[in-house]
Every structure is written in structure tokens, then in C-alpha cells.
Amino acid sequence: MNMDTANDTERTLDGENSVRRRSRKKSMSGSGAREHKEQLQKLQQKDPEFYEFLKEHDKELLQFSDDDVDVVLHFWGTGGGALPVVSFLFMRDLCIRIGSGCIDECFKGIYKAYVLNCHFVNAVKLKHIRFLGNCVIELLGVDLPTAYQHAFIYIRQLAMILREALNTKTKEAFGKVYEWKFMNCLELWTGAICAYSSESDFKQLAYPLTQIISGVASLVPTTRYFPLRLKCVRMLNQIAASTHSFIPVSMLLLDMLEMKELNS
């Protein structure tokens, strides 16, 4: 590499870094910047010692952007050792102290990261997926009214996937329901509703989720999906116990004994 090429490369890198810095500033422009400033003012009034600590040791955090959330979520979902725990605790503390300035972004990001990490399940990964699910449920408790809005949207997305399978009855549509990602999401929202069943908003989500789980259990009535049906029955029983309501599951179990494969 000659001197001219090296200089060109250096200028290119400097230009890219400059673009990143400008885009980072733009991400907090407009109404987002004003809201972020208001939240920081509230933080300064509510916890001046913590604010001064951030100002002294981590000035960039006072200019928190979506890129920072993505980095934390990446370490939370894929990091090893204690990194996922530290990343989650940092994100939870950030949501508590800054508030609405980052809660929506964190809720969206943590659910997306959870979905990306639960496509496949084996004995090794199951423990990690359960940890991620517990983290999501814990973070939702920071702001339950906002969490309800997000939960409603994501549960509705699951309902739309199931409805497509019921209407089209194609192998591809069935595959979108009978996959680990879909089932892990059902278990996540079952856990969330069970954890916050005493909250009126979250308790209202029990009915649509129950309808989805029941529909999944009976979507393809064959012995091949007996384990999946039993998993659905367990989720229904968990919801019934936490909400103190009656959810009939006997037909799902008795129907298994009448299938042709068992009587042939």
C-alpha cells in the first residue's frame, strides 16, 4: 500500500466515523431529543446523586440513543458468562430511571431479541431461552400500562398467524404455528399473564391468549403432535390457576384417546 492509498483509506475511515457520529446525533433529534431532555431533567430532580455520577463517569449515557439499546440487547441475547445478566440489569435500571424516553424502545427490542434467540431448542439452549423469557417478563413489570399495549400487539400477531393457518390449511401455514418460535412466544405470554394476573389490564389478555392456545392444540389432530397438545394444556392450566378462572381442557385430552392412530 503506497502513501496516497493509505491517506485515502484514513480519510475514508474518518468520513465513516463522522457519518456515524452525525447519525447518532440525528437519532436523538426533534421530538425524541426534547422528550429525552425532559426525562433527564426529571432524573436530575429525582436522583441528583445518580445524575451527577453519570455526568462524571458516563456522559454518553446522557445522550442515550437507539444504537445503545441495540448493543445492550445484543450482549443480553448472545453474550456469555455474566454478560447477559449485567446487560439486563443495566437495561432495567435505565428504564426505571429514564422512563418513557427509552421504555418503548427497550420493550420492542427485548421481545425481538427473544424471538431471534428461540428459533431452535435443544437441551443446552433451553436453559438460556428460559432465562431470556424471565428477563422479558421482569422488564414488563417496570411499566405495566405500556407493557400491556405491547403485549396486546404481539399476542394479536400470534392470533393472525393462527388464523392464516386455519383459513389456508397449507403445510407452510401450519409450519409457522408448529415451530419453536411460535410455541416459545406462547409460553412467554403465558408466563407474563401468570406473573401479572392481579393487574386488571394483563388479566384481560388471558382470554385471547387462551383462545389462541386452544386453537393451536387442536389445529392438526394427529398423534404426531401429542407432546405439543400436552404443552398447550399445561399452559391453559397455568393461566386458569393464576387468574382463578375455569378453562376447559378435558376435551383436548379425551380427544387424544379417540384418534384413529390409537384405535387401529
Protein backbone atom coordinates (compact mmCIF):
# COMPACT_ATOMS: atom_id res chain seq x y z
CA MET A 1 0.00 0.00 0.00
CA ASN A 2 1.52 3.36 -1.04
CA MET A 3 1.28 6.59 0.92
CA ASP A 4 -1.57 8.03 -1.20
CA THR A 5 -3.68 4.90 -0.74
CA ALA A 6 -3.07 4.94 3.00
CA ASN A 7 -4.12 8.58 3.19
CA ASP A 8 -7.27 7.85 1.17
CA THR A 9 -8.13 4.96 3.47
CA GLU A 10 -7.60 7.12 6.53
CA ARG A 11 -9.83 9.87 5.11
CA THR A 12 -12.49 7.27 4.26
CA LEU A 13 -12.43 5.87 7.78
CA ASP A 14 -12.59 9.36 9.25
CA GLY A 15 -15.54 10.10 6.99
CA GLU A 16 -17.35 6.95 8.07
CA ASN A 17 -16.77 7.76 11.73
CA SER A 18 -18.04 11.27 11.13
CA VAL A 19 -21.19 9.90 9.49
CA ARG A 20 -21.75 7.57 12.43
CA ARG A 21 -21.38 10.47 14.86
CA ARG A 22 -23.79 12.61 12.85
CA SER A 23 -26.32 9.78 12.53
CA ARG A 24 -26.01 9.15 16.26
CA LYS A 25 -26.88 12.79 16.95
CA LYS A 26 -29.75 12.69 14.47
CA SER A 27 -31.27 9.70 16.23
CA MET A 28 -32.00 11.98 19.18
CA SER A 29 -33.21 14.95 17.14
CA GLY A 30 -36.65 16.54 17.06
CA SER A 31 -39.33 15.39 19.46
CA GLY A 32 -37.17 12.46 20.62
CA ALA A 33 -34.45 14.83 21.79
CA ARG A 34 -36.95 17.04 23.61
CA GLU A 35 -38.52 14.04 25.34
CA HIS A 36 -35.10 12.70 26.27
CA LYS A 37 -34.13 16.09 27.72
CA GLU A 38 -37.33 16.23 29.76
CA GLN A 39 -36.68 12.74 31.15
CA LEU A 40 -33.13 13.68 32.11
CA GLN A 41 -34.42 16.77 33.90
CA LYS A 42 -36.80 14.56 35.87
CA LEU A 43 -33.93 12.20 36.65
CA GLN A 44 -31.81 15.11 37.85
CA GLN A 45 -34.57 16.24 40.20
CA LYS A 46 -35.49 12.74 41.40
CA ASP A 47 -31.99 11.34 41.88
CA PRO A 48 -29.38 14.13 41.66
CA GLU A 49 -26.57 11.92 43.01
CA PHE A 50 -27.05 9.34 40.26
CA TYR A 51 -27.29 12.08 37.64
CA GLU A 52 -24.00 13.59 38.79
CA PHE A 53 -22.43 10.13 38.74
CA LEU A 54 -23.47 9.68 35.10
CA LYS A 55 -22.30 13.15 34.23
CA GLU A 56 -18.88 12.43 35.70
CA HIS A 57 -18.32 8.84 34.58
CA ASP A 58 -20.54 8.23 31.55
CA LYS A 59 -21.53 11.37 29.66
CA GLU A 60 -22.57 9.37 26.59
CA LEU A 61 -25.35 7.74 28.59
CA LEU A 62 -26.94 11.17 28.98
CA GLN A 63 -27.19 11.19 25.18
CA PHE A 64 -28.63 7.67 25.04
CA SER A 65 -29.77 6.56 21.58
CA ASP A 66 -31.39 3.58 19.87
CA ASP A 67 -27.93 2.30 18.88
CA ASP A 68 -27.03 1.90 22.55
CA VAL A 69 -30.16 -0.16 23.19
CA ASP A 70 -29.21 -2.43 20.29
CA VAL A 71 -25.75 -3.02 21.75
CA VAL A 72 -27.13 -3.87 25.19
CA LEU A 73 -29.72 -6.21 23.68
CA HIS A 74 -27.05 -7.93 21.59
CA PHE A 75 -24.96 -8.68 24.68
CA TRP A 76 -28.09 -9.75 26.58
CA GLY A 77 -29.17 -12.22 23.92
CA THR A 78 -25.84 -13.65 22.79
CA GLY A 79 -23.28 -12.85 25.48
CA GLY A 80 -21.60 -15.46 27.63
CA GLY A 81 -20.91 -15.74 31.34
CA ALA A 82 -22.32 -12.92 33.42
CA LEU A 83 -22.70 -10.54 30.45
CA PRO A 84 -26.40 -11.29 29.77
CA VAL A 85 -27.29 -10.69 33.43
CA VAL A 86 -25.28 -7.45 33.62
CA SER A 87 -26.77 -6.22 30.32
CA PHE A 88 -30.31 -6.92 31.51
CA LEU A 89 -29.78 -5.22 34.87
CA PHE A 90 -28.34 -2.19 33.09
CA MET A 91 -31.32 -2.03 30.73
CA ARG A 92 -33.85 -2.46 33.55
CA ASP A 93 -32.19 0.25 35.63
CA LEU A 94 -32.15 2.53 32.62
CA CYS A 95 -35.90 2.05 32.03
CA ILE A 96 -36.64 2.77 35.69
CA ARG A 97 -34.52 5.91 35.89
CA ILE A 98 -35.08 7.46 32.46
CA GLY A 99 -38.66 6.25 31.99
CA SER A 100 -40.70 6.75 28.83
CA GLY A 101 -37.68 8.08 26.97
CA CYS A 102 -36.47 4.52 26.37
CA ILE A 103 -39.12 2.10 27.67
CA ASP A 104 -40.90 1.65 24.33
CA GLU A 105 -37.64 1.01 22.52
CA CYS A 106 -36.49 -1.45 25.18
CA PHE A 107 -39.79 -3.36 25.16
CA LYS A 108 -39.73 -3.69 21.37
CA GLY A 109 -36.05 -4.59 21.29
CA ILE A 110 -36.09 -7.17 24.06
CA TYR A 111 -39.06 -9.01 22.53
CA LYS A 112 -37.42 -9.01 19.11
CA ALA A 113 -34.18 -10.29 20.63
CA TYR A 114 -36.09 -13.02 22.47
CA VAL A 115 -37.80 -14.16 19.26
CA LEU A 116 -34.48 -14.23 17.40
CA ASN A 117 -32.96 -16.46 20.09
CA CYS A 118 -35.76 -19.02 20.37
CA HIS A 119 -35.96 -20.35 16.80
CA PHE A 120 -34.37 -23.62 17.84
CA VAL A 121 -34.44 -25.51 21.14
CA ASN A 122 -32.19 -28.23 22.48
CA ALA A 123 -31.15 -29.35 25.95
CA VAL A 124 -28.34 -26.79 26.06
CA LYS A 125 -30.25 -23.81 24.71
CA LEU A 126 -33.46 -24.43 26.67
CA LYS A 127 -31.99 -23.01 29.88
CA HIS A 128 -30.86 -19.86 28.08
CA ILE A 129 -34.27 -19.35 26.46
CA ARG A 130 -35.97 -19.66 29.83
CA PHE A 131 -33.57 -17.08 31.24
CA LEU A 132 -34.38 -14.70 28.37
CA GLY A 133 -38.11 -15.22 28.91
CA ASN A 134 -37.81 -14.47 32.62
CA CYS A 135 -35.93 -11.27 31.77
CA VAL A 136 -38.65 -10.14 29.37
CA ILE A 137 -41.34 -10.75 31.99
CA GLU A 138 -39.31 -8.91 34.62
CA LEU A 139 -38.80 -5.89 32.34
CA LEU A 140 -42.51 -5.70 31.52
CA GLY A 141 -43.18 -5.10 35.20
CA VAL A 142 -41.32 -1.78 35.07
CA ASP A 143 -44.27 -0.10 33.31
CA LEU A 144 -47.34 -2.35 33.13
CA PRO A 145 -49.65 0.07 31.23
CA THR A 146 -47.06 0.40 28.46
CA ALA A 147 -46.31 -3.32 28.64
CA TYR A 148 -50.00 -4.10 28.12
CA GLN A 149 -50.03 -2.15 24.86
CA HIS A 150 -47.04 -4.08 23.56
CA ALA A 151 -48.39 -7.43 24.79
CA PHE A 152 -51.72 -6.77 23.06
CA ILE A 153 -49.97 -6.15 19.73
CA TYR A 154 -47.70 -9.20 19.95
CA ILE A 155 -50.48 -11.56 21.07
CA ARG A 156 -52.58 -10.26 18.18
CA GLN A 157 -49.73 -11.11 15.81
CA LEU A 158 -49.80 -14.70 17.08
CA ALA A 159 -53.57 -14.78 16.54
CA MET A 160 -53.15 -13.62 12.94
CA ILE A 161 -50.62 -16.38 12.25
CA LEU A 162 -53.03 -18.97 13.66
CA ARG A 163 -55.94 -17.55 11.69
CA GLU A 164 -53.95 -17.81 8.47
CA ALA A 165 -53.27 -21.48 9.22
CA LEU A 166 -56.95 -22.14 9.94
CA ASN A 167 -58.06 -20.40 6.75
CA THR A 168 -55.47 -21.67 4.27
CA LYS A 169 -54.74 -25.11 5.80
CA THR A 170 -51.44 -25.32 3.94
CA LYS A 171 -48.27 -27.02 5.10
CA GLU A 172 -46.41 -23.71 5.14
CA ALA A 173 -49.07 -22.04 7.28
CA PHE A 174 -49.12 -24.98 9.71
CA GLY A 175 -45.33 -24.78 9.89
CA LYS A 176 -45.49 -21.17 11.10
CA VAL A 177 -47.60 -22.32 14.04
CA TYR A 178 -45.93 -25.63 14.81
CA GLU A 179 -42.44 -24.26 15.27
CA TRP A 180 -40.35 -23.46 18.33
CA LYS A 181 -40.51 -19.72 17.82
CA PHE A 182 -44.31 -19.63 17.95
CA MET A 183 -44.56 -22.01 20.92
CA ASN A 184 -41.90 -20.15 22.90
CA CYS A 185 -43.78 -16.90 22.35
CA LEU A 186 -46.96 -18.54 23.66
CA GLU A 187 -45.07 -19.69 26.74
CA LEU A 188 -43.60 -16.22 27.21
CA TRP A 189 -47.00 -14.50 27.24
CA THR A 190 -48.45 -17.25 29.39
CA GLY A 191 -45.71 -16.54 31.91
CA ALA A 192 -46.34 -12.79 31.70
CA ILE A 193 -50.08 -13.13 32.28
CA CYS A 194 -49.47 -15.51 35.18
CA ALA A 195 -46.95 -13.10 36.72
CA TYR A 196 -49.22 -10.06 36.46
CA SER A 197 -52.65 -11.70 36.67
CA SER A 198 -53.58 -9.41 39.58
CA GLU A 199 -53.34 -6.42 37.23
CA SER A 200 -56.66 -5.74 35.52
CA ASP A 201 -55.10 -4.93 32.14
CA PHE A 202 -53.00 -8.06 31.90
CA LYS A 203 -55.83 -10.24 33.16
CA GLN A 204 -57.87 -9.12 30.15
CA LEU A 205 -55.25 -10.65 27.86
CA ALA A 206 -55.87 -14.09 29.35
CA TYR A 207 -58.97 -14.72 27.22
CA PRO A 208 -57.46 -14.04 23.76
CA LEU A 209 -54.32 -15.95 24.68
CA THR A 210 -56.44 -18.88 25.88
CA GLN A 211 -58.29 -18.92 22.56
CA ILE A 212 -55.01 -18.97 20.65
CA ILE A 213 -53.54 -21.80 22.73
CA SER A 214 -56.72 -23.87 22.38
CA GLY A 215 -56.68 -23.30 18.61
CA VAL A 216 -53.05 -24.37 18.37
CA ALA A 217 -53.73 -27.53 20.38
CA SER A 218 -56.46 -28.69 18.00
CA LEU A 219 -55.06 -27.34 14.73
CA VAL A 220 -53.74 -30.68 13.46
CA PRO A 221 -55.37 -33.52 15.46
CA THR A 222 -52.81 -36.29 14.99
CA THR A 223 -50.71 -38.34 17.39
CA ARG A 224 -47.59 -36.71 15.97
CA TYR A 225 -48.45 -33.53 17.86
CA PHE A 226 -49.43 -35.14 21.18
CA PRO A 227 -46.47 -33.55 23.01
CA LEU A 228 -47.41 -30.12 21.65
CA ARG A 229 -51.03 -30.59 22.71
CA LEU A 230 -49.96 -31.54 26.22
CA LYS A 231 -47.75 -28.45 26.35
CA CYS A 232 -50.77 -26.34 25.39
CA VAL A 233 -52.89 -27.99 28.07
CA ARG A 234 -50.22 -27.18 30.64
CA MET A 235 -50.22 -23.50 29.59
CA LEU A 236 -54.02 -23.37 29.83
CA ASN A 237 -53.91 -24.85 33.32
CA GLN A 238 -51.30 -22.28 34.35
CA ILE A 239 -53.49 -19.42 33.13
CA ALA A 240 -56.55 -20.90 34.87
CA ALA A 241 -54.69 -21.22 38.16
CA SER A 242 -53.23 -17.70 38.09
CA THR A 243 -56.45 -15.95 37.01
CA HIS A 244 -58.71 -18.10 39.21
CA SER A 245 -60.89 -18.97 36.24
CA PHE A 246 -62.19 -22.15 34.67
CA ILE A 247 -60.65 -23.16 31.34
CA PRO A 248 -61.97 -26.48 29.96
CA VAL A 249 -59.17 -28.76 28.82
CA SER A 250 -60.82 -32.17 29.23
CA MET A 251 -61.96 -32.31 25.60
CA LEU A 252 -58.42 -31.71 24.39
CA LEU A 253 -57.26 -34.69 26.45
CA LEU A 254 -60.19 -37.03 25.77
CA ASP A 255 -59.99 -36.30 22.06
CA MET A 256 -56.48 -37.74 22.06
CA LEU A 257 -57.83 -41.15 23.15
CA GLU A 258 -60.28 -41.25 20.24
CA MET A 259 -57.79 -40.63 17.45
CA LYS A 260 -57.59 -43.26 14.72
CA GLU A 261 -53.91 -44.00 15.25
CA LEU A 262 -54.64 -45.27 18.76
CA ASN A 263 -57.66 -47.35 17.76
CA SER A 264 -56.24 -49.03 14.67
